[in-house]
C-alpha cells in the first residue's frame, strides 16, 4: 500500500531528527572537549576527586565550629530561661495562695464566714503551709530556686546567682530571689478571731504586705524569662546565618552524576530557554 504524503513527510522528518541526534552525539563524544570530559567523568577507573581549596576548607571548618558554639550558647540560655520559668511558676503559686488568704479575711469581714470557725482558720493555716512548701520545694534539676538555705553550692552561690555560659569567652549570672526571708510563720489562722484575742486587721496587713513583695518579684521573673527567650531566638538566628555562610563557601558538591553531566552539556551546547535577558 502506497504511503500518503503526510506519512512520507512524517518518516522524513523523524529520520532527519534521528540523524541530527546521531551527528550531535558523535560530535560530543568523539573529539570534542565535552566528549573528553564526559569520558573522564564516567569511564575513569578512580572516582573523580574535586579540587579542594585549603583556604576555603579552613574557613568553612571555622564557621562550622562557630555555629556549634552559638547553638551550645543557645541551649545554655534556654536552660536559664527554663530555670527562671520554674521560679516564676513557684512565685505565681505563692501569689495565688496569698490572694486566697486575703479572700478568706474579706469574707469574714463581710460576714460570709465565721471568724470563730475552726475550718476557716485551718484553711488559712493550710494556705500558709502551702506557701512554705513551695518555697522549700521549688527547684530546677536539684537547684533550689526560692530557698536561700539550700544555696551555696557549685550550681548556685550563696547570693542566688547561677552562672550561664552564653559566649565562647564568657557569660552572665541569673539571680534568684530568696522567698524564705519572708516570715511566713506570722500568718496564723487563730489570729483571724478578734473575739478570741486575735488581730484580723494585722493579719490582713501582713497578707497585703507580702502580696506586694511577691508581686514585685513575680514581675521581675516574667520580664527576665521573656528577655532570655528573646536571646535564645537571636542566638538560633545567628547559627542559621552561619550555616548559610558555610553552605555558600563549601567547596563540596552534592550533585549527582546525572546532574553533573547535564550541567556540562548545557555549558557546552547552550540551553533551550534563553536566560541571558
Protein backbone atom coordinates (compact mmCIF):
# COMPACT_ATOMS: atom_id res chain seq x y z
CA UNK A 1 0.00 0.00 0.00
CA UNK A 2 1.41 3.35 -1.03
CA UNK A 3 2.17 5.87 1.69
CA UNK A 4 0.36 9.14 1.75
CA UNK A 5 2.19 12.45 1.51
CA UNK A 6 1.64 13.09 5.24
CA UNK A 7 3.10 9.71 6.19
CA UNK A 8 6.10 10.21 3.92
CA UNK A 9 6.66 13.67 5.43
CA UNK A 10 6.48 12.25 8.97
CA UNK A 11 9.01 9.50 8.19
CA UNK A 12 11.34 12.02 6.57
CA UNK A 13 11.20 14.46 9.49
CA UNK A 14 11.67 11.70 12.04
CA UNK A 15 14.67 10.32 10.11
CA UNK A 16 16.25 13.77 9.98
CA UNK A 17 15.81 14.18 13.74
CA UNK A 18 17.50 10.83 14.37
CA UNK A 19 20.31 11.79 12.05
CA UNK A 20 20.81 15.13 13.78
CA UNK A 21 20.88 13.47 17.18
CA UNK A 22 23.40 10.93 15.91
CA UNK A 23 25.61 13.68 14.49
CA UNK A 24 25.35 15.66 17.76
CA UNK A 25 26.19 12.58 19.81
CA UNK A 26 29.20 11.72 17.67
CA UNK A 27 30.36 15.31 17.86
CA UNK A 28 30.05 15.47 21.63
CA UNK A 29 31.55 12.09 22.42
CA UNK A 30 34.15 11.79 19.67
CA UNK A 31 36.76 14.51 19.51
CA UNK A 32 35.30 17.47 21.37
CA UNK A 33 36.26 18.71 24.82
CA UNK A 34 32.83 17.66 26.03
CA UNK A 35 33.48 14.11 24.99
CA UNK A 36 36.82 14.03 26.74
CA UNK A 37 35.29 15.46 29.93
CA UNK A 38 32.40 13.01 29.82
CA UNK A 39 34.70 10.04 29.32
CA UNK A 40 36.93 11.19 32.15
CA UNK A 41 33.94 11.59 34.42
CA UNK A 42 32.02 8.43 33.61
CA UNK A 43 34.68 5.96 32.46
CA UNK A 44 37.53 6.80 34.81
CA UNK A 45 38.60 3.87 36.94
CA UNK A 46 39.09 6.02 40.04
CA UNK A 47 36.37 8.33 41.40
CA UNK A 48 36.80 11.88 40.30
CA UNK A 49 38.15 13.86 43.25
CA UNK A 50 37.04 17.51 43.32
CA UNK A 51 39.82 20.01 43.75
CA UNK A 52 39.74 21.47 47.26
CA UNK A 53 40.80 24.97 48.16
CA UNK A 54 42.64 24.65 51.50
CA UNK A 55 41.72 28.23 52.44
CA UNK A 56 38.03 27.63 51.80
CA UNK A 57 38.16 24.36 53.75
CA UNK A 58 39.73 26.16 56.72
CA UNK A 59 37.15 28.94 56.60
CA UNK A 60 34.19 26.55 56.46
CA UNK A 61 35.68 24.49 59.28
CA UNK A 62 35.93 27.60 61.44
CA UNK A 63 32.38 28.61 60.55
CA UNK A 64 31.05 25.16 61.49
CA UNK A 65 32.80 25.48 64.85
CA UNK A 66 31.27 28.91 65.35
CA UNK A 67 27.81 27.57 64.53
CA UNK A 68 28.22 24.74 67.04
CA UNK A 69 29.35 27.18 69.72
CA UNK A 70 26.40 29.50 69.08
CA UNK A 71 23.98 26.57 69.27
CA UNK A 72 25.50 25.47 72.59
CA UNK A 73 25.13 29.02 73.89
CA UNK A 74 21.51 28.97 72.76
CA UNK A 75 20.91 25.75 74.69
CA UNK A 76 22.54 27.25 77.79
CA UNK A 77 20.40 30.36 77.65
CA UNK A 78 17.31 28.22 77.02
CA UNK A 79 18.10 26.33 80.21
CA UNK A 80 18.43 29.63 82.06
CA UNK A 81 15.01 30.65 80.73
CA UNK A 82 13.59 27.34 81.96
CA UNK A 83 15.08 27.92 85.41
CA UNK A 84 13.55 31.39 85.61
CA UNK A 85 10.25 29.95 84.37
CA UNK A 86 10.32 27.40 87.19
CA UNK A 87 10.94 30.15 89.76
CA UNK A 88 8.20 32.30 88.18
CA UNK A 89 5.69 29.45 88.44
CA UNK A 90 6.53 28.91 92.12
CA UNK A 91 6.20 32.61 92.92
CA UNK A 92 2.92 32.81 90.99
CA UNK A 93 1.51 29.96 93.09
CA UNK A 94 2.57 31.79 96.26
CA UNK A 95 0.81 34.90 94.99
CA UNK A 96 -2.35 32.85 94.37
CA UNK A 97 -2.21 31.44 97.92
CA UNK A 98 -1.88 34.93 99.40
CA UNK A 99 -4.83 36.06 97.30
CA UNK A 100 -6.88 33.16 98.72
CA UNK A 101 -5.88 34.16 102.27
CA UNK A 102 -6.97 37.73 101.64
CA UNK A 103 -10.24 36.43 100.24
CA UNK A 104 -10.86 34.47 103.46
CA UNK A 105 -10.30 37.57 105.56
CA UNK A 106 -12.57 39.65 103.31
CA UNK A 107 -15.37 37.07 103.65
CA UNK A 108 -15.01 37.09 107.44
CA UNK A 109 -15.19 40.90 107.41
CA UNK A 110 -18.31 40.79 105.22
CA UNK A 111 -19.98 38.22 107.46
CA UNK A 112 -19.94 35.41 104.88
CA UNK A 113 -17.62 33.31 107.07
CA UNK A 114 -17.48 32.83 110.83
CA UNK A 115 -14.28 34.14 112.41
CA UNK A 116 -14.52 31.52 115.14
CA UNK A 117 -14.82 28.63 112.68
CA UNK A 118 -12.03 26.09 113.15
CA UNK A 119 -12.46 25.09 109.49
CA UNK A 120 -11.83 28.64 108.26
CA UNK A 121 -8.79 29.02 110.49
CA UNK A 122 -7.50 25.62 109.35
CA UNK A 123 -7.90 26.63 105.69
CA UNK A 124 -5.90 29.78 106.40
CA UNK A 125 -3.12 27.76 108.05
CA UNK A 126 -3.16 25.27 105.17
CA UNK A 127 -2.54 28.10 102.70
CA UNK A 128 0.41 29.27 104.82
CA UNK A 129 1.79 25.71 104.85
CA UNK A 130 1.38 25.54 101.08
CA UNK A 131 3.45 28.73 100.70
CA UNK A 132 6.23 27.40 102.93
CA UNK A 133 6.21 24.13 100.99
CA UNK A 134 6.53 25.98 97.67
CA UNK A 135 9.46 27.98 98.99
CA UNK A 136 11.37 24.87 100.07
CA UNK A 137 10.44 22.57 97.17
CA UNK A 138 10.58 24.78 94.06
CA UNK A 139 13.70 23.61 92.22
CA UNK A 140 15.14 23.02 88.78
CA UNK A 141 17.11 19.77 88.42
CA UNK A 142 18.01 19.88 92.09
CA UNK A 143 18.80 23.61 92.19
CA UNK A 144 16.64 25.39 94.81
CA UNK A 145 15.06 28.46 93.26
CA UNK A 146 13.43 30.19 96.25
CA UNK A 147 15.03 28.78 99.42
CA UNK A 148 18.32 30.52 100.26
CA UNK A 149 19.06 27.94 102.97
CA UNK A 150 19.77 25.49 100.12
CA UNK A 151 22.11 27.85 98.26
CA UNK A 152 25.90 27.97 98.34
CA UNK A 153 26.58 25.01 96.04
CA UNK A 154 28.57 24.51 92.85
CA UNK A 155 25.44 25.30 90.85
CA UNK A 156 24.08 28.32 92.73
CA UNK A 157 26.11 30.58 95.02
CA UNK A 158 25.05 31.89 98.41
CA UNK A 159 23.61 35.05 96.82
CA UNK A 160 21.32 33.13 94.47
CA UNK A 161 23.44 33.55 91.34
CA UNK A 162 23.64 30.87 88.65
CA UNK A 163 26.34 31.37 86.02
CA UNK A 164 25.29 30.88 82.39
CA UNK A 165 27.92 30.41 79.65
CA UNK A 166 26.46 32.41 76.77
CA UNK A 167 29.54 33.01 74.57
CA UNK A 168 32.82 31.29 73.82
CA UNK A 169 34.66 33.51 76.29
CA UNK A 170 32.10 34.45 78.93
CA UNK A 171 28.55 34.57 80.18
CA UNK A 172 26.31 36.15 82.80
CA UNK A 173 24.64 35.47 86.13
CA UNK A 174 20.95 34.76 86.58
CA UNK A 175 19.94 35.91 90.07
CA UNK A 176 17.13 34.34 92.06
CA UNK A 177 15.26 35.94 94.96
CA UNK A 178 15.10 34.33 98.39
CA UNK A 179 11.49 33.80 99.45
CA UNK A 180 12.39 32.23 102.79
CA UNK A 181 13.44 35.68 104.03
CA UNK A 182 9.74 36.48 104.49
CA UNK A 183 8.46 35.37 107.89
CA UNK A 184 5.52 33.29 106.75
CA UNK A 185 5.03 31.94 110.28
CA UNK A 186 3.34 35.22 111.23
CA UNK A 187 0.32 34.13 109.20
CA UNK A 188 -1.74 32.37 111.87
CA UNK A 189 -5.30 31.17 111.44
CA UNK A 190 -6.31 31.69 115.08
CA UNK A 191 -5.47 35.38 114.71
CA UNK A 192 -8.50 35.78 112.45
CA UNK A 193 -10.79 35.57 115.52
CA UNK A 194 -10.94 39.04 117.03
CA UNK A 195 -13.34 37.81 119.67
CA UNK A 196 -10.78 35.30 120.88
CA UNK A 197 -7.90 37.73 121.24
CA UNK A 198 -6.78 37.68 117.63
CA UNK A 199 -5.98 40.61 115.38
CA UNK A 200 -7.57 40.06 111.98
CA UNK A 201 -6.65 43.55 110.77
CA UNK A 202 -2.98 42.85 111.45
CA UNK A 203 -3.26 39.58 109.50
CA UNK A 204 -4.79 41.43 106.56
CA UNK A 205 -1.97 44.00 106.66
CA UNK A 206 0.61 41.20 106.68
CA UNK A 207 -1.01 39.40 103.75
CA UNK A 208 -1.21 42.59 101.70
CA UNK A 209 2.39 43.49 102.54
CA UNK A 210 3.59 40.04 101.48
CA UNK A 211 1.50 40.28 98.32
CA UNK A 212 3.29 43.46 97.33
CA UNK A 213 6.70 41.83 97.78
CA UNK A 214 5.71 38.67 95.93
CA UNK A 215 4.08 40.56 93.03
CA UNK A 216 7.25 42.65 92.58
CA UNK A 217 9.41 39.51 92.40
CA UNK A 218 6.92 37.85 90.04
CA UNK A 219 7.11 40.84 87.68
CA UNK A 220 10.92 40.61 87.68
CA UNK A 221 10.82 36.92 86.78
CA UNK A 222 8.29 37.41 84.00
CA UNK A 223 10.39 40.09 82.33
CA UNK A 224 13.60 38.12 82.79
CA UNK A 225 12.06 34.99 81.26
CA UNK A 226 10.85 36.97 78.23
CA UNK A 227 14.30 38.53 77.80
CA UNK A 228 16.06 35.15 77.94
CA UNK A 229 13.64 33.61 75.43
CA UNK A 230 14.29 36.51 73.07
CA UNK A 231 18.04 35.93 73.45
CA UNK A 232 17.54 32.25 72.57
CA UNK A 233 15.78 33.20 69.32
CA UNK A 234 18.57 35.65 68.49
CA UNK A 235 21.24 33.01 69.01
CA UNK A 236 19.35 30.48 66.90
CA UNK A 237 19.10 33.03 64.10
CA UNK A 238 22.84 33.64 64.32
CA UNK A 239 23.53 29.91 63.99
CA UNK A 240 21.31 29.71 60.90
CA UNK A 241 23.13 32.63 59.29
CA UNK A 242 26.47 30.91 59.92
CA UNK A 243 25.09 27.68 58.41
CA UNK A 244 24.14 29.61 55.27
CA UNK A 245 27.65 31.06 55.10
CA UNK A 246 29.10 27.55 55.37
CA UNK A 247 26.86 26.33 52.56
CA UNK A 248 27.86 29.27 50.37
CA UNK A 249 31.61 28.75 50.90
CA UNK A 250 31.71 24.96 51.00
CA UNK A 251 33.82 23.52 48.14
CA UNK A 252 31.97 20.23 48.28
CA UNK A 253 29.21 19.32 45.85
CA UNK A 254 26.18 17.15 46.36
CA UNK A 255 25.17 16.96 42.70
CA UNK A 256 24.51 13.54 41.23
CA UNK A 257 26.48 12.26 38.21
CA UNK A 258 23.41 12.82 36.05
CA UNK A 259 23.20 16.46 37.16
CA UNK A 260 26.90 16.96 36.53
CA UNK A 261 26.53 15.52 33.01
CA UNK A 262 23.56 17.76 32.30
CA UNK A 263 25.37 20.84 33.59
CA UNK A 264 28.35 20.03 31.38
CA UNK A 265 26.20 19.53 28.30
CA UNK A 266 24.32 22.76 28.88
CA UNK A 267 27.56 24.64 29.40
CA UNK A 268 28.95 23.48 26.03
CA UNK A 269 25.80 23.42 23.88
CA UNK A 270 23.56 26.06 25.45
CA UNK A 271 20.04 25.73 26.75
CA UNK A 272 16.64 25.64 25.11
CA UNK A 273 15.50 28.67 27.11
CA UNK A 274 17.27 31.98 26.62
CA UNK A 275 18.35 33.01 30.15
CA UNK A 276 20.52 35.91 29.05
CA UNK A 277 17.75 38.51 29.25
